[in-house]
Amino acid sequence: MTQYRAVFDAEISFSNDGGLQAQGFRVDVPGPDVTEDEIGRLFVTSLDLLMTQTVALRNVRIIEEAHKGTRGGPSDPGQ
């Protein structure tokens, strides 16, 4: 079965001020038709971030690549 990952740049703001930026981040996704909202949720979940206010994604690409075990993703054994 083909597995997919999303590759993207992200910027997060937090409700208690501050922010986080990532470039070329990768998360496991369930398939090639995943939405940016789903990718953003996987990103936040994979890092176990709290008090996230906004998530902005840029340069999103979906690639065929084996899953690496993204927390909260399709290959997470806790799901």
N, C-alpha and C. Protein backbone atom coordinates (compact mmCIF):
# COMPACT_ATOMS: atom_id res chain seq x y z
N MET A 1 0.83 -1.18 0.00
CA MET A 1 0.00 0.00 0.00
C MET A 1 0.89 1.25 0.00
N THR A 2 0.58 2.20 -0.86
CA THR A 2 1.35 3.43 -0.95
C THR A 2 1.07 4.31 0.25
N GLN A 3 2.12 4.87 0.82
CA GLN A 3 1.98 5.79 1.95
C GLN A 3 2.42 7.18 1.51
N TYR A 4 1.86 8.18 2.19
CA TYR A 4 2.11 9.57 1.81
C TYR A 4 2.52 10.39 3.03
N ARG A 5 3.28 11.43 2.73
CA ARG A 5 3.68 12.42 3.75
C ARG A 5 3.49 13.80 3.16
N ALA A 6 3.22 14.76 4.03
CA ALA A 6 3.13 16.15 3.61
C ALA A 6 4.44 16.84 3.99
N VAL A 7 4.95 17.65 3.09
CA VAL A 7 6.14 18.46 3.32
C VAL A 7 5.68 19.91 3.22
N PHE A 8 6.05 20.75 4.20
CA PHE A 8 5.52 22.10 4.22
C PHE A 8 6.35 23.01 5.11
N ASP A 9 6.12 24.30 4.95
CA ASP A 9 6.62 25.33 5.86
C ASP A 9 5.43 25.76 6.70
N ALA A 10 5.66 26.12 7.95
CA ALA A 10 4.55 26.48 8.83
C ALA A 10 4.93 27.63 9.74
N GLU A 11 3.89 28.35 10.15
CA GLU A 11 4.04 29.38 11.16
C GLU A 11 2.85 29.26 12.11
N ILE A 12 3.17 29.17 13.40
CA ILE A 12 2.15 29.02 14.43
C ILE A 12 2.23 30.21 15.36
N SER A 13 1.05 30.69 15.77
CA SER A 13 1.00 31.68 16.85
C SER A 13 0.27 31.04 18.02
N PHE A 14 0.64 31.48 19.21
CA PHE A 14 0.06 30.93 20.43
C PHE A 14 -0.81 31.98 21.11
N SER A 15 -1.84 31.52 21.81
CA SER A 15 -2.77 32.43 22.47
C SER A 15 -2.13 33.15 23.65
N ASN A 16 -1.01 32.66 24.16
CA ASN A 16 -0.32 33.34 25.25
C ASN A 16 0.93 34.08 24.74
N ASP A 17 0.87 34.52 23.49
CA ASP A 17 1.96 35.22 22.79
C ASP A 17 3.01 34.23 22.31
N GLY A 18 3.93 34.72 21.51
CA GLY A 18 4.98 33.87 20.96
C GLY A 18 4.53 33.14 19.71
N GLY A 19 5.47 32.45 19.12
CA GLY A 19 5.18 31.74 17.89
C GLY A 19 6.27 30.73 17.58
N LEU A 20 6.05 30.01 16.52
CA LEU A 20 6.96 28.95 16.09
C LEU A 20 6.95 28.90 14.58
N GLN A 21 8.11 28.72 13.98
CA GLN A 21 8.21 28.56 12.53
C GLN A 21 8.93 27.26 12.22
N ALA A 22 8.55 26.64 11.11
CA ALA A 22 9.19 25.40 10.67
C ALA A 22 9.35 25.46 9.15
N GLN A 23 10.44 24.92 8.67
CA GLN A 23 10.69 24.85 7.23
C GLN A 23 10.95 23.40 6.85
N GLY A 24 10.27 22.95 5.80
CA GLY A 24 10.47 21.60 5.30
C GLY A 24 10.04 20.51 6.27
N PHE A 25 9.07 20.80 7.12
CA PHE A 25 8.58 19.83 8.10
C PHE A 25 7.80 18.74 7.36
N ARG A 26 7.83 17.52 7.91
CA ARG A 26 7.10 16.40 7.29
C ARG A 26 6.23 15.70 8.32
N VAL A 27 5.02 15.36 7.90
CA VAL A 27 4.11 14.55 8.72
C VAL A 27 3.50 13.47 7.84
N ASP A 28 3.20 12.33 8.47
CA ASP A 28 2.46 11.27 7.78
C ASP A 28 1.05 11.75 7.53
N VAL A 29 0.50 11.44 6.37
CA VAL A 29 -0.88 11.80 6.06
C VAL A 29 -1.60 10.55 5.54
N PRO A 30 -2.94 10.52 5.68
CA PRO A 30 -3.69 9.32 5.29
C PRO A 30 -3.75 9.09 3.78
N GLY A 31 -3.58 10.11 2.97
CA GLY A 31 -3.65 9.94 1.53
C GLY A 31 -3.32 11.22 0.80
N PRO A 32 -3.26 11.16 -0.53
CA PRO A 32 -2.85 12.31 -1.32
C PRO A 32 -3.87 13.44 -1.35
N ASP A 33 -5.10 13.19 -0.92
CA ASP A 33 -6.15 14.21 -0.97
C ASP A 33 -6.37 14.90 0.38
N VAL A 34 -5.41 14.79 1.29
CA VAL A 34 -5.50 15.41 2.61
C VAL A 34 -5.61 16.94 2.48
N THR A 35 -6.37 17.55 3.38
CA THR A 35 -6.54 19.01 3.33
C THR A 35 -5.47 19.71 4.17
N GLU A 36 -5.31 21.00 3.92
CA GLU A 36 -4.36 21.77 4.72
C GLU A 36 -4.78 21.83 6.18
N ASP A 37 -6.07 21.86 6.45
CA ASP A 37 -6.54 21.85 7.84
C ASP A 37 -6.11 20.57 8.55
N GLU A 38 -6.23 19.43 7.85
CA GLU A 38 -5.81 18.16 8.44
C GLU A 38 -4.30 18.14 8.66
N ILE A 39 -3.55 18.66 7.72
CA ILE A 39 -2.09 18.72 7.86
C ILE A 39 -1.72 19.59 9.05
N GLY A 40 -2.37 20.73 9.19
CA GLY A 40 -2.11 21.61 10.33
C GLY A 40 -2.39 20.93 11.65
N ARG A 41 -3.50 20.17 11.72
CA ARG A 41 -3.84 19.44 12.94
C ARG A 41 -2.77 18.39 13.24
N LEU A 42 -2.32 17.67 12.21
CA LEU A 42 -1.28 16.66 12.42
C LEU A 42 0.02 17.30 12.89
N PHE A 43 0.36 18.47 12.35
CA PHE A 43 1.56 19.19 12.76
C PHE A 43 1.50 19.55 14.24
N VAL A 44 0.40 20.15 14.65
CA VAL A 44 0.23 20.57 16.05
C VAL A 44 0.23 19.35 16.97
N THR A 45 -0.48 18.29 16.57
CA THR A 45 -0.55 17.07 17.38
C THR A 45 0.81 16.39 17.48
N SER A 46 1.54 16.35 16.37
CA SER A 46 2.83 15.65 16.37
C SER A 46 3.82 16.29 17.33
N LEU A 47 3.70 17.59 17.54
CA LEU A 47 4.60 18.30 18.46
C LEU A 47 3.98 18.49 19.84
N ASP A 48 2.73 18.02 20.02
CA ASP A 48 2.02 18.12 21.30
C ASP A 48 1.97 19.57 21.78
N LEU A 49 1.62 20.48 20.86
CA LEU A 49 1.58 21.90 21.19
C LEU A 49 0.26 22.27 21.85
N LEU A 50 0.34 23.11 22.86
CA LEU A 50 -0.84 23.60 23.57
C LEU A 50 -1.04 25.08 23.27
N MET A 51 -2.25 25.54 23.45
CA MET A 51 -2.60 26.95 23.32
C MET A 51 -2.28 27.51 21.93
N THR A 52 -2.41 26.66 20.90
CA THR A 52 -2.19 27.09 19.52
C THR A 52 -3.35 27.96 19.08
N GLN A 53 -3.03 29.14 18.57
CA GLN A 53 -4.07 30.06 18.11
C GLN A 53 -4.28 29.96 16.61
N THR A 54 -3.20 30.08 15.82
CA THR A 54 -3.31 29.97 14.37
C THR A 54 -2.18 29.09 13.83
N VAL A 55 -2.50 28.45 12.71
CA VAL A 55 -1.51 27.64 11.99
C VAL A 55 -1.61 28.05 10.52
N ALA A 56 -0.52 28.56 9.97
CA ALA A 56 -0.47 28.94 8.56
C ALA A 56 0.55 28.05 7.86
N LEU A 57 0.12 27.38 6.80
CA LEU A 57 1.00 26.50 6.03
C LEU A 57 1.32 27.14 4.68
N ARG A 58 2.53 26.90 4.21
CA ARG A 58 2.95 27.36 2.88
C ARG A 58 3.75 26.25 2.21
N ASN A 59 3.82 26.33 0.90
CA ASN A 59 4.64 25.40 0.12
C ASN A 59 4.31 23.93 0.43
N VAL A 60 3.02 23.62 0.54
CA VAL A 60 2.59 22.26 0.87
C VAL A 60 2.75 21.36 -0.35
N ARG A 61 3.41 20.24 -0.13
CA ARG A 61 3.55 19.21 -1.16
C ARG A 61 3.21 17.86 -0.53
N ILE A 62 2.54 17.02 -1.27
CA ILE A 62 2.27 15.66 -0.82
C ILE A 62 3.19 14.75 -1.62
N ILE A 63 3.94 13.92 -0.91
CA ILE A 63 4.90 13.03 -1.57
C ILE A 63 4.62 11.58 -1.17
N GLU A 64 5.01 10.66 -2.05
CA GLU A 64 4.97 9.24 -1.72
C GLU A 64 6.21 8.94 -0.91
N GLU A 65 6.00 8.54 0.34
CA GLU A 65 7.11 8.22 1.23
C GLU A 65 6.57 7.38 2.38
N ALA A 66 7.35 6.43 2.83
CA ALA A 66 6.92 5.57 3.94
C ALA A 66 6.66 6.40 5.19
N HIS A 67 5.63 6.03 5.93
CA HIS A 67 5.32 6.71 7.19
C HIS A 67 6.46 6.54 8.18
N LYS A 68 6.66 7.55 8.99
CA LYS A 68 7.71 7.54 10.01
C LYS A 68 7.14 7.47 11.42
N GLY A 69 5.81 7.48 11.55
CA GLY A 69 5.20 7.36 12.88
C GLY A 69 4.78 8.67 13.49
N THR A 70 4.27 9.60 12.71
CA THR A 70 3.81 10.89 13.21
C THR A 70 2.77 10.68 14.30
N ARG A 71 3.00 11.27 15.49
CA ARG A 71 2.03 11.19 16.59
C ARG A 71 0.69 11.75 16.12
N GLY A 72 -0.36 10.97 16.29
CA GLY A 72 -1.68 11.38 15.86
C GLY A 72 -1.97 11.10 14.41
N GLY A 73 -0.98 10.59 13.68
CA GLY A 73 -1.12 10.32 12.25
C GLY A 73 -1.65 8.93 11.97
N PRO A 74 -1.75 8.58 10.68
CA PRO A 74 -2.35 7.30 10.29
C PRO A 74 -1.58 6.06 10.75
N SER A 75 -0.30 6.20 11.04
CA SER A 75 0.48 5.02 11.48
C SER A 75 0.77 5.04 12.97
N ASP A 76 0.18 5.97 13.71
CA ASP A 76 0.37 6.04 15.17
C ASP A 76 -0.34 4.86 15.82
N PRO A 77 0.39 4.02 16.55
CA PRO A 77 -0.25 2.84 17.15
C PRO A 77 -1.31 3.20 18.17
N GLY A 78 -1.30 4.42 18.69
CA GLY A 78 -2.31 4.85 19.66
C GLY A 78 -3.63 5.24 19.04
N GLN A 79 -3.70 5.28 17.72
CA GLN A 79 -4.93 5.69 17.03
C GLN A 79 -5.91 4.57 16.90
